[in-house]
Amino acid sequence: MKTLAEADGNVYLPNPEPTGRVDYILIGMEPSLGHWARSAEEARARVASGFRNFLTDIEPMLLHFSVRRFLCEKGQKYYITDFSKGAMLVEHAGTVRADRYDRWYLSLKNATRRSTACASRRVAAHVDDSGDVERERVRGEPSGAQRLLHRGPAA
């Protein structure tokens, strides 16, 4: 995944890995630069020192709270990941998104199968109205994926 991110000219931003089976997988679009790191150099330094996606700041915490409060039942677990792991500026994200998703599709598929082999539900989170993450459904996988519209500060 790091190789793919760098080949795209972006900064690889890993997510925390699940420790076992999950009940839900939430799939976002791609990580953005700007708030947690103002430049690629700063982003690489933060990742090298242990920074992971979806763990800091108020917005990811609100997402975690909402998933725990409104999606998961007691004892259920979830995993949040992105379609691609290459952090980029928001204004660059949409320019070649379809091509990027085609390149990243197998990596996403393998990562979610390997990390969460028994997940019962997948939710496409952080998608825009174009439905880019919905491309998974068109390919016939995952069956039963739900779409969750999200508007971040850049929307």
N, C-alpha and C. Protein backbone atom coordinates (compact mmCIF):
# COMPACT_ATOMS: atom_id res chain seq x y z
N MET A 1 0.82 -1.20 0.00
CA MET A 1 0.00 0.00 0.00
C MET A 1 0.86 1.25 0.00
N LYS A 2 1.96 1.19 0.72
CA LYS A 2 2.86 2.33 0.74
C LYS A 2 3.39 2.61 -0.67
N THR A 3 3.72 1.55 -1.39
CA THR A 3 4.22 1.69 -2.76
C THR A 3 3.17 2.33 -3.65
N LEU A 4 1.93 1.91 -3.51
CA LEU A 4 0.84 2.49 -4.30
C LEU A 4 0.67 3.97 -4.00
N ALA A 5 0.68 4.33 -2.73
CA ALA A 5 0.51 5.73 -2.34
C ALA A 5 1.63 6.58 -2.92
N GLU A 6 2.85 6.11 -2.79
CA GLU A 6 3.98 6.87 -3.29
C GLU A 6 3.98 6.94 -4.82
N ALA A 7 3.55 5.87 -5.49
CA ALA A 7 3.45 5.89 -6.95
C ALA A 7 2.44 6.92 -7.42
N ASP A 8 1.42 7.15 -6.60
CA ASP A 8 0.41 8.18 -6.91
C ASP A 8 0.90 9.58 -6.57
N GLY A 9 2.09 9.68 -5.95
CA GLY A 9 2.61 10.98 -5.55
C GLY A 9 2.04 11.48 -4.24
N ASN A 10 1.53 10.56 -3.43
CA ASN A 10 0.89 10.92 -2.17
C ASN A 10 1.67 10.34 -0.99
N VAL A 11 1.24 10.68 0.21
CA VAL A 11 1.88 10.21 1.44
C VAL A 11 1.07 9.03 1.98
N TYR A 12 1.73 7.91 2.20
CA TYR A 12 1.07 6.74 2.76
C TYR A 12 0.63 7.03 4.19
N LEU A 13 -0.66 6.86 4.45
CA LEU A 13 -1.20 7.06 5.79
C LEU A 13 -1.93 5.80 6.23
N PRO A 14 -1.29 4.98 7.06
CA PRO A 14 -1.91 3.74 7.50
C PRO A 14 -3.01 3.99 8.53
N ASN A 15 -3.86 3.00 8.65
CA ASN A 15 -4.92 3.00 9.66
C ASN A 15 -4.54 2.01 10.74
N PRO A 16 -5.09 2.17 11.94
CA PRO A 16 -4.90 1.12 12.95
C PRO A 16 -5.53 -0.17 12.43
N GLU A 17 -4.89 -1.28 12.66
CA GLU A 17 -5.42 -2.56 12.21
C GLU A 17 -6.34 -3.16 13.26
N PRO A 18 -7.40 -3.82 12.84
CA PRO A 18 -8.27 -4.48 13.81
C PRO A 18 -7.56 -5.66 14.45
N THR A 19 -7.97 -5.99 15.64
CA THR A 19 -7.33 -7.09 16.36
C THR A 19 -8.05 -8.41 16.17
N GLY A 20 -9.14 -8.41 15.46
CA GLY A 20 -9.89 -9.65 15.24
C GLY A 20 -11.10 -9.38 14.38
N ARG A 21 -12.05 -10.29 14.47
CA ARG A 21 -13.27 -10.20 13.69
C ARG A 21 -14.02 -8.92 14.02
N VAL A 22 -14.61 -8.31 12.98
CA VAL A 22 -15.45 -7.14 13.19
C VAL A 22 -16.82 -7.40 12.59
N ASP A 23 -17.78 -6.61 13.04
CA ASP A 23 -19.14 -6.73 12.52
C ASP A 23 -19.39 -5.76 11.37
N TYR A 24 -18.65 -4.67 11.34
CA TYR A 24 -18.82 -3.66 10.29
C TYR A 24 -17.46 -3.18 9.80
N ILE A 25 -17.39 -2.92 8.51
CA ILE A 25 -16.24 -2.25 7.92
C ILE A 25 -16.77 -0.95 7.33
N LEU A 26 -16.20 0.17 7.74
CA LEU A 26 -16.54 1.46 7.16
C LEU A 26 -15.42 1.87 6.22
N ILE A 27 -15.76 2.17 4.98
CA ILE A 27 -14.76 2.48 3.97
C ILE A 27 -14.92 3.93 3.54
N GLY A 28 -13.87 4.70 3.79
CA GLY A 28 -13.86 6.09 3.38
C GLY A 28 -13.25 6.25 2.00
N MET A 29 -13.09 7.48 1.58
CA MET A 29 -12.56 7.76 0.25
C MET A 29 -11.04 7.70 0.24
N GLU A 30 -10.39 8.75 0.68
CA GLU A 30 -8.94 8.79 0.82
C GLU A 30 -8.61 9.82 1.90
N PRO A 31 -7.49 9.63 2.59
CA PRO A 31 -7.14 10.60 3.63
C PRO A 31 -6.71 11.92 3.01
N SER A 32 -6.95 12.98 3.73
CA SER A 32 -6.59 14.30 3.21
C SER A 32 -5.49 14.93 4.05
N LEU A 33 -4.69 15.72 3.38
CA LEU A 33 -3.70 16.55 4.05
C LEU A 33 -4.35 17.89 4.38
N GLY A 34 -3.72 18.63 5.23
CA GLY A 34 -4.21 19.98 5.50
C GLY A 34 -4.41 20.24 6.98
N HIS A 35 -5.19 19.41 7.64
CA HIS A 35 -5.47 19.67 9.04
C HIS A 35 -4.41 19.04 9.95
N TRP A 36 -4.12 17.79 9.74
CA TRP A 36 -3.17 17.07 10.60
C TRP A 36 -1.73 17.25 10.14
N ALA A 37 -1.54 17.62 8.90
CA ALA A 37 -0.20 17.89 8.36
C ALA A 37 -0.35 18.89 7.22
N ARG A 38 0.43 19.93 7.24
CA ARG A 38 0.32 20.99 6.23
C ARG A 38 1.13 20.71 4.96
N SER A 39 2.03 19.73 5.02
CA SER A 39 2.86 19.43 3.86
C SER A 39 3.15 17.93 3.83
N ALA A 40 3.61 17.45 2.70
CA ALA A 40 3.98 16.04 2.57
C ALA A 40 5.11 15.69 3.52
N GLU A 41 6.07 16.60 3.68
CA GLU A 41 7.20 16.34 4.57
C GLU A 41 6.73 16.18 6.02
N GLU A 42 5.85 17.08 6.45
CA GLU A 42 5.31 16.99 7.81
C GLU A 42 4.51 15.70 7.98
N ALA A 43 3.74 15.33 6.97
CA ALA A 43 2.94 14.11 7.04
C ALA A 43 3.83 12.88 7.17
N ARG A 44 4.87 12.80 6.36
CA ARG A 44 5.78 11.65 6.44
C ARG A 44 6.44 11.56 7.82
N ALA A 45 6.82 12.69 8.37
CA ALA A 45 7.45 12.71 9.70
C ALA A 45 6.46 12.23 10.76
N ARG A 46 5.22 12.66 10.68
CA ARG A 46 4.22 12.25 11.68
C ARG A 46 3.92 10.76 11.57
N VAL A 47 3.79 10.25 10.33
CA VAL A 47 3.54 8.82 10.14
C VAL A 47 4.73 8.01 10.66
N ALA A 48 5.93 8.46 10.38
CA ALA A 48 7.13 7.77 10.86
C ALA A 48 7.19 7.71 12.38
N SER A 49 6.59 8.70 13.05
CA SER A 49 6.59 8.70 14.51
C SER A 49 5.35 8.03 15.10
N GLY A 50 4.55 7.37 14.25
CA GLY A 50 3.44 6.57 14.76
C GLY A 50 2.04 7.08 14.49
N PHE A 51 1.90 8.23 13.84
CA PHE A 51 0.57 8.76 13.55
C PHE A 51 -0.22 7.79 12.67
N ARG A 52 -1.49 7.59 12.98
CA ARG A 52 -2.38 6.75 12.20
C ARG A 52 -3.68 7.50 11.94
N ASN A 53 -4.31 7.15 10.85
CA ASN A 53 -5.56 7.79 10.45
C ASN A 53 -6.70 7.44 11.40
N PHE A 54 -7.66 8.32 11.52
CA PHE A 54 -8.89 8.13 12.29
C PHE A 54 -8.69 8.06 13.80
N LEU A 55 -7.58 8.61 14.31
CA LEU A 55 -7.35 8.52 15.76
C LEU A 55 -7.28 9.86 16.48
N THR A 56 -7.10 10.95 15.78
CA THR A 56 -6.99 12.23 16.46
C THR A 56 -7.96 13.23 15.88
N ASP A 57 -8.20 14.28 16.59
CA ASP A 57 -9.05 15.39 16.16
C ASP A 57 -10.52 15.09 16.46
N ILE A 58 -11.31 16.12 16.42
CA ILE A 58 -12.72 16.00 16.80
C ILE A 58 -13.55 15.25 15.76
N GLU A 59 -13.27 15.44 14.48
CA GLU A 59 -14.09 14.79 13.46
C GLU A 59 -14.01 13.27 13.50
N PRO A 60 -12.81 12.67 13.54
CA PRO A 60 -12.78 11.21 13.68
C PRO A 60 -13.41 10.73 14.99
N MET A 61 -13.25 11.51 16.06
CA MET A 61 -13.86 11.10 17.32
C MET A 61 -15.39 11.12 17.23
N LEU A 62 -15.93 12.11 16.51
CA LEU A 62 -17.38 12.13 16.30
C LEU A 62 -17.84 10.94 15.47
N LEU A 63 -17.04 10.57 14.48
CA LEU A 63 -17.36 9.38 13.69
C LEU A 63 -17.35 8.14 14.57
N HIS A 64 -16.30 7.96 15.37
CA HIS A 64 -16.23 6.80 16.28
C HIS A 64 -17.41 6.79 17.24
N PHE A 65 -17.73 7.93 17.80
CA PHE A 65 -18.86 8.02 18.73
C PHE A 65 -20.15 7.60 18.03
N SER A 66 -20.37 8.13 16.84
CA SER A 66 -21.61 7.84 16.11
C SER A 66 -21.71 6.36 15.74
N VAL A 67 -20.60 5.77 15.34
CA VAL A 67 -20.61 4.35 14.99
C VAL A 67 -20.94 3.53 16.22
N ARG A 68 -20.31 3.84 17.34
CA ARG A 68 -20.56 3.11 18.58
C ARG A 68 -22.00 3.32 19.07
N ARG A 69 -22.46 4.54 18.99
CA ARG A 69 -23.78 4.88 19.55
C ARG A 69 -24.95 4.45 18.66
N PHE A 70 -24.81 4.61 17.34
CA PHE A 70 -25.95 4.45 16.45
C PHE A 70 -25.86 3.26 15.49
N LEU A 71 -24.69 2.67 15.32
CA LEU A 71 -24.56 1.56 14.38
C LEU A 71 -24.36 0.24 15.11
N CYS A 72 -23.38 0.20 15.97
CA CYS A 72 -23.03 -1.04 16.66
C CYS A 72 -23.94 -1.31 17.85
N GLU A 73 -24.26 -2.56 18.01
CA GLU A 73 -24.94 -2.99 19.22
C GLU A 73 -23.87 -3.37 20.24
N LYS A 74 -24.28 -3.59 21.46
CA LYS A 74 -23.33 -3.93 22.52
C LYS A 74 -22.50 -5.14 22.11
N GLY A 75 -21.18 -5.01 22.27
CA GLY A 75 -20.27 -6.10 21.95
C GLY A 75 -19.84 -6.18 20.50
N GLN A 76 -20.45 -5.39 19.63
CA GLN A 76 -20.04 -5.41 18.23
C GLN A 76 -18.79 -4.56 18.01
N LYS A 77 -18.04 -4.92 16.97
CA LYS A 77 -16.81 -4.20 16.65
C LYS A 77 -16.87 -3.70 15.21
N TYR A 78 -16.03 -2.72 14.92
CA TYR A 78 -15.98 -2.16 13.58
C TYR A 78 -14.55 -1.81 13.22
N TYR A 79 -14.34 -1.60 11.93
CA TYR A 79 -13.04 -1.24 11.40
C TYR A 79 -13.26 -0.12 10.38
N ILE A 80 -12.48 0.95 10.50
CA ILE A 80 -12.57 2.06 9.55
C ILE A 80 -11.31 2.07 8.71
N THR A 81 -11.49 2.15 7.42
CA THR A 81 -10.36 2.24 6.51
C THR A 81 -10.72 3.19 5.37
N ASP A 82 -9.78 3.41 4.48
CA ASP A 82 -10.02 4.23 3.31
C ASP A 82 -9.85 3.39 2.06
N PHE A 83 -10.51 3.80 0.99
CA PHE A 83 -10.35 3.12 -0.28
C PHE A 83 -8.89 3.16 -0.71
N SER A 84 -8.27 4.33 -0.61
CA SER A 84 -6.83 4.44 -0.87
C SER A 84 -6.17 4.97 0.40
N LYS A 85 -4.89 4.72 0.55
CA LYS A 85 -4.17 5.15 1.75
C LYS A 85 -3.20 6.29 1.45
N GLY A 86 -3.39 6.96 0.33
CA GLY A 86 -2.51 8.06 -0.05
C GLY A 86 -3.11 9.39 0.35
N ALA A 87 -2.53 10.04 1.37
CA ALA A 87 -3.04 11.33 1.83
C ALA A 87 -2.67 12.41 0.81
N MET A 88 -3.65 13.28 0.53
CA MET A 88 -3.46 14.33 -0.46
C MET A 88 -4.29 15.55 -0.08
N LEU A 89 -4.02 16.65 -0.72
CA LEU A 89 -4.83 17.85 -0.52
C LEU A 89 -6.22 17.61 -1.08
N VAL A 90 -7.24 18.12 -0.40
CA VAL A 90 -8.62 17.90 -0.79
C VAL A 90 -8.87 18.35 -2.22
N GLU A 91 -8.28 19.48 -2.61
CA GLU A 91 -8.55 19.99 -3.96
C GLU A 91 -7.98 19.09 -5.06
N HIS A 92 -7.07 18.17 -4.71
CA HIS A 92 -6.52 17.25 -5.70
C HIS A 92 -7.24 15.90 -5.71
N ALA A 93 -8.02 15.63 -4.70
CA ALA A 93 -8.59 14.29 -4.51
C ALA A 93 -9.53 13.86 -5.63
N GLY A 94 -10.36 14.74 -6.10
CA GLY A 94 -11.36 14.34 -7.08
C GLY A 94 -10.89 14.27 -8.51
N THR A 95 -9.69 14.78 -8.80
CA THR A 95 -9.27 14.89 -10.19
C THR A 95 -9.09 13.55 -10.89
N VAL A 96 -8.55 12.57 -10.23
CA VAL A 96 -8.35 11.25 -10.84
C VAL A 96 -8.85 10.14 -9.92
N ARG A 97 -9.91 10.41 -9.22
CA ARG A 97 -10.40 9.47 -8.21
C ARG A 97 -10.77 8.11 -8.82
N ALA A 98 -11.47 8.10 -9.93
CA ALA A 98 -11.89 6.82 -10.52
C ALA A 98 -10.67 5.97 -10.90
N ASP A 99 -9.66 6.58 -11.51
CA ASP A 99 -8.44 5.84 -11.86
C ASP A 99 -7.73 5.34 -10.61
N ARG A 100 -7.66 6.20 -9.59
CA ARG A 100 -7.00 5.82 -8.34
C ARG A 100 -7.73 4.64 -7.71
N TYR A 101 -9.04 4.67 -7.68
CA TYR A 101 -9.80 3.58 -7.08
C TYR A 101 -9.60 2.29 -7.85
N ASP A 102 -9.49 2.37 -9.17
CA ASP A 102 -9.21 1.16 -9.95
C ASP A 102 -7.86 0.56 -9.54
N ARG A 103 -6.87 1.41 -9.32
CA ARG A 103 -5.54 0.92 -8.92
C ARG A 103 -5.55 0.34 -7.50
N TRP A 104 -6.36 0.92 -6.62
CA TRP A 104 -6.36 0.53 -5.21
C TRP A 104 -7.35 -0.58 -4.88
N TYR A 105 -8.22 -0.92 -5.79
CA TYR A 105 -9.31 -1.84 -5.48
C TYR A 105 -8.83 -3.17 -4.90
N LEU A 106 -7.86 -3.80 -5.55
CA LEU A 106 -7.38 -5.10 -5.05
C LEU A 106 -6.74 -4.99 -3.68
N SER A 107 -6.02 -3.92 -3.43
CA SER A 107 -5.40 -3.73 -2.11
C SER A 107 -6.47 -3.59 -1.04
N LEU A 108 -7.50 -2.82 -1.32
CA LEU A 108 -8.61 -2.67 -0.36
C LEU A 108 -9.28 -4.02 -0.12
N LYS A 109 -9.56 -4.72 -1.19
CA LYS A 109 -10.23 -6.01 -1.08
C LYS A 109 -9.41 -6.99 -0.25
N ASN A 110 -8.11 -7.08 -0.53
CA ASN A 110 -7.23 -7.98 0.23
C ASN A 110 -7.09 -7.57 1.68
N ALA A 111 -6.96 -6.27 1.92
CA ALA A 111 -6.81 -5.79 3.30
C ALA A 111 -8.05 -6.07 4.13
N THR A 112 -9.22 -5.84 3.57
CA THR A 112 -10.43 -6.07 4.35
C THR A 112 -10.70 -7.55 4.53
N ARG A 113 -10.34 -8.36 3.57
CA ARG A 113 -10.49 -9.82 3.73
C ARG A 113 -9.51 -10.35 4.76
N ARG A 114 -8.27 -9.92 4.68
CA ARG A 114 -7.23 -10.40 5.58
C ARG A 114 -7.49 -9.93 7.02
N SER A 115 -7.84 -8.66 7.16
CA SER A 115 -7.97 -8.09 8.49
C SER A 115 -9.31 -8.39 9.14
N THR A 116 -10.33 -8.55 8.34
CA THR A 116 -11.68 -8.68 8.89
C THR A 116 -12.44 -9.76 8.14
N ALA A 117 -11.90 -10.92 8.11
CA ALA A 117 -12.41 -11.99 7.26
C ALA A 117 -13.89 -12.30 7.50
N CYS A 118 -14.38 -12.08 8.68
CA CYS A 118 -15.74 -12.48 8.99
C CYS A 118 -16.70 -11.31 9.17
N ALA A 119 -16.36 -10.15 8.66
CA ALA A 119 -17.25 -9.00 8.84
C ALA A 119 -18.60 -9.28 8.22
N SER A 120 -19.64 -8.94 8.94
CA SER A 120 -20.98 -9.23 8.43
C SER A 120 -21.54 -8.09 7.60
N ARG A 121 -21.07 -6.86 7.80
CA ARG A 121 -21.61 -5.71 7.06
C ARG A 121 -20.49 -4.77 6.66
N ARG A 122 -20.64 -4.14 5.50
CA ARG A 122 -19.69 -3.12 5.07
C ARG A 122 -20.49 -1.86 4.79
N VAL A 123 -19.94 -0.75 5.21
CA VAL A 123 -20.59 0.55 5.03
C VAL A 123 -19.61 1.47 4.32
N ALA A 124 -20.05 2.08 3.24
CA ALA A 124 -19.22 3.05 2.53
C ALA A 124 -19.44 4.40 3.20
N ALA A 125 -18.48 4.84 3.97
CA ALA A 125 -18.58 6.11 4.69
C ALA A 125 -17.77 7.18 3.97
N HIS A 126 -18.06 8.43 4.26
CA HIS A 126 -17.29 9.53 3.69
C HIS A 126 -17.37 9.58 2.17
N VAL A 127 -18.48 9.24 1.60
CA VAL A 127 -18.59 9.32 0.14
C VAL A 127 -19.27 10.61 -0.25
N ASP A 128 -19.05 11.04 -1.46
CA ASP A 128 -19.74 12.22 -1.96
C ASP A 128 -20.88 11.77 -2.87
N ASP A 129 -21.57 12.72 -3.47
CA ASP A 129 -22.73 12.39 -4.28
C ASP A 129 -22.40 11.62 -5.55
N SER A 130 -21.13 11.61 -5.96
CA SER A 130 -20.77 10.88 -7.17
C SER A 130 -20.82 9.37 -6.95
N GLY A 131 -20.76 8.93 -5.70
CA GLY A 131 -20.86 7.50 -5.39
C GLY A 131 -19.62 6.72 -5.75
N ASP A 132 -18.44 7.35 -5.69
CA ASP A 132 -17.22 6.65 -6.09
C ASP A 132 -17.00 5.36 -5.32
N VAL A 133 -17.28 5.36 -4.03
CA VAL A 133 -17.07 4.14 -3.26
C VAL A 133 -18.11 3.10 -3.66
N GLU A 134 -19.21 3.54 -4.21
CA GLU A 134 -20.24 2.62 -4.67
C GLU A 134 -19.74 1.72 -5.80
N ARG A 135 -18.63 2.05 -6.42
CA ARG A 135 -18.09 1.22 -7.49
C ARG A 135 -17.90 -0.20 -7.02
N GLU A 136 -17.64 -0.39 -5.73
CA GLU A 136 -17.52 -1.75 -5.21
C GLU A 136 -18.80 -2.53 -5.44
N ARG A 137 -19.92 -1.88 -5.23
CA ARG A 137 -21.19 -2.56 -5.38
C ARG A 137 -21.41 -2.94 -6.84
N VAL A 138 -21.01 -2.08 -7.75
CA VAL A 138 -21.15 -2.36 -9.17
C VAL A 138 -20.35 -3.61 -9.54
N ARG A 139 -19.21 -3.79 -8.92
CA ARG A 139 -18.38 -4.96 -9.19
C ARG A 139 -18.91 -6.20 -8.48
N GLY A 140 -20.01 -6.04 -7.79
CA GLY A 140 -20.62 -7.19 -7.13
C GLY A 140 -20.06 -7.49 -5.76
N GLU A 141 -19.29 -6.55 -5.21
CA GLU A 141 -18.73 -6.81 -3.90
C GLU A 141 -18.55 -5.50 -3.16
N PRO A 142 -18.85 -5.40 -1.93
CA PRO A 142 -19.48 -6.43 -1.13
C PRO A 142 -20.98 -6.40 -1.31
N SER A 143 -21.60 -7.53 -1.21
CA SER A 143 -23.04 -7.56 -1.31
C SER A 143 -23.62 -6.92 -0.05
N GLY A 144 -24.64 -6.16 -0.22
CA GLY A 144 -25.30 -5.54 0.91
C GLY A 144 -24.60 -4.31 1.47
N ALA A 145 -23.60 -3.77 0.76
CA ALA A 145 -22.92 -2.57 1.26
C ALA A 145 -23.92 -1.43 1.35
N GLN A 146 -23.82 -0.67 2.41
CA GLN A 146 -24.68 0.49 2.58
C GLN A 146 -23.88 1.75 2.33
N ARG A 147 -24.54 2.76 1.85
CA ARG A 147 -23.89 4.02 1.55
C ARG A 147 -24.25 5.04 2.62
N LEU A 148 -23.25 5.71 3.15
CA LEU A 148 -23.43 6.70 4.20
C LEU A 148 -22.83 8.02 3.71
N LEU A 149 -23.69 8.99 3.44
CA LEU A 149 -23.19 10.28 2.98
C LEU A 149 -22.58 11.04 4.15
N HIS A 150 -21.49 11.68 3.88
CA HIS A 150 -20.78 12.44 4.91
C HIS A 150 -20.29 13.73 4.30
N ARG A 151 -20.42 14.79 5.02
CA ARG A 151 -19.92 16.08 4.57
C ARG A 151 -18.87 16.56 5.53
N GLY A 152 -17.64 16.58 5.09
CA GLY A 152 -16.55 17.10 5.91
C GLY A 152 -16.44 18.60 5.74
N PRO A 153 -15.48 19.22 6.38
CA PRO A 153 -15.32 20.67 6.33
C PRO A 153 -15.03 21.18 4.93
N ALA A 154 -14.49 20.36 4.06
CA ALA A 154 -14.17 20.81 2.70
C ALA A 154 -15.39 20.78 1.79
N ALA A 155 -16.47 20.14 2.22
CA ALA A 155 -17.65 20.00 1.35
C ALA A 155 -18.42 21.30 1.25
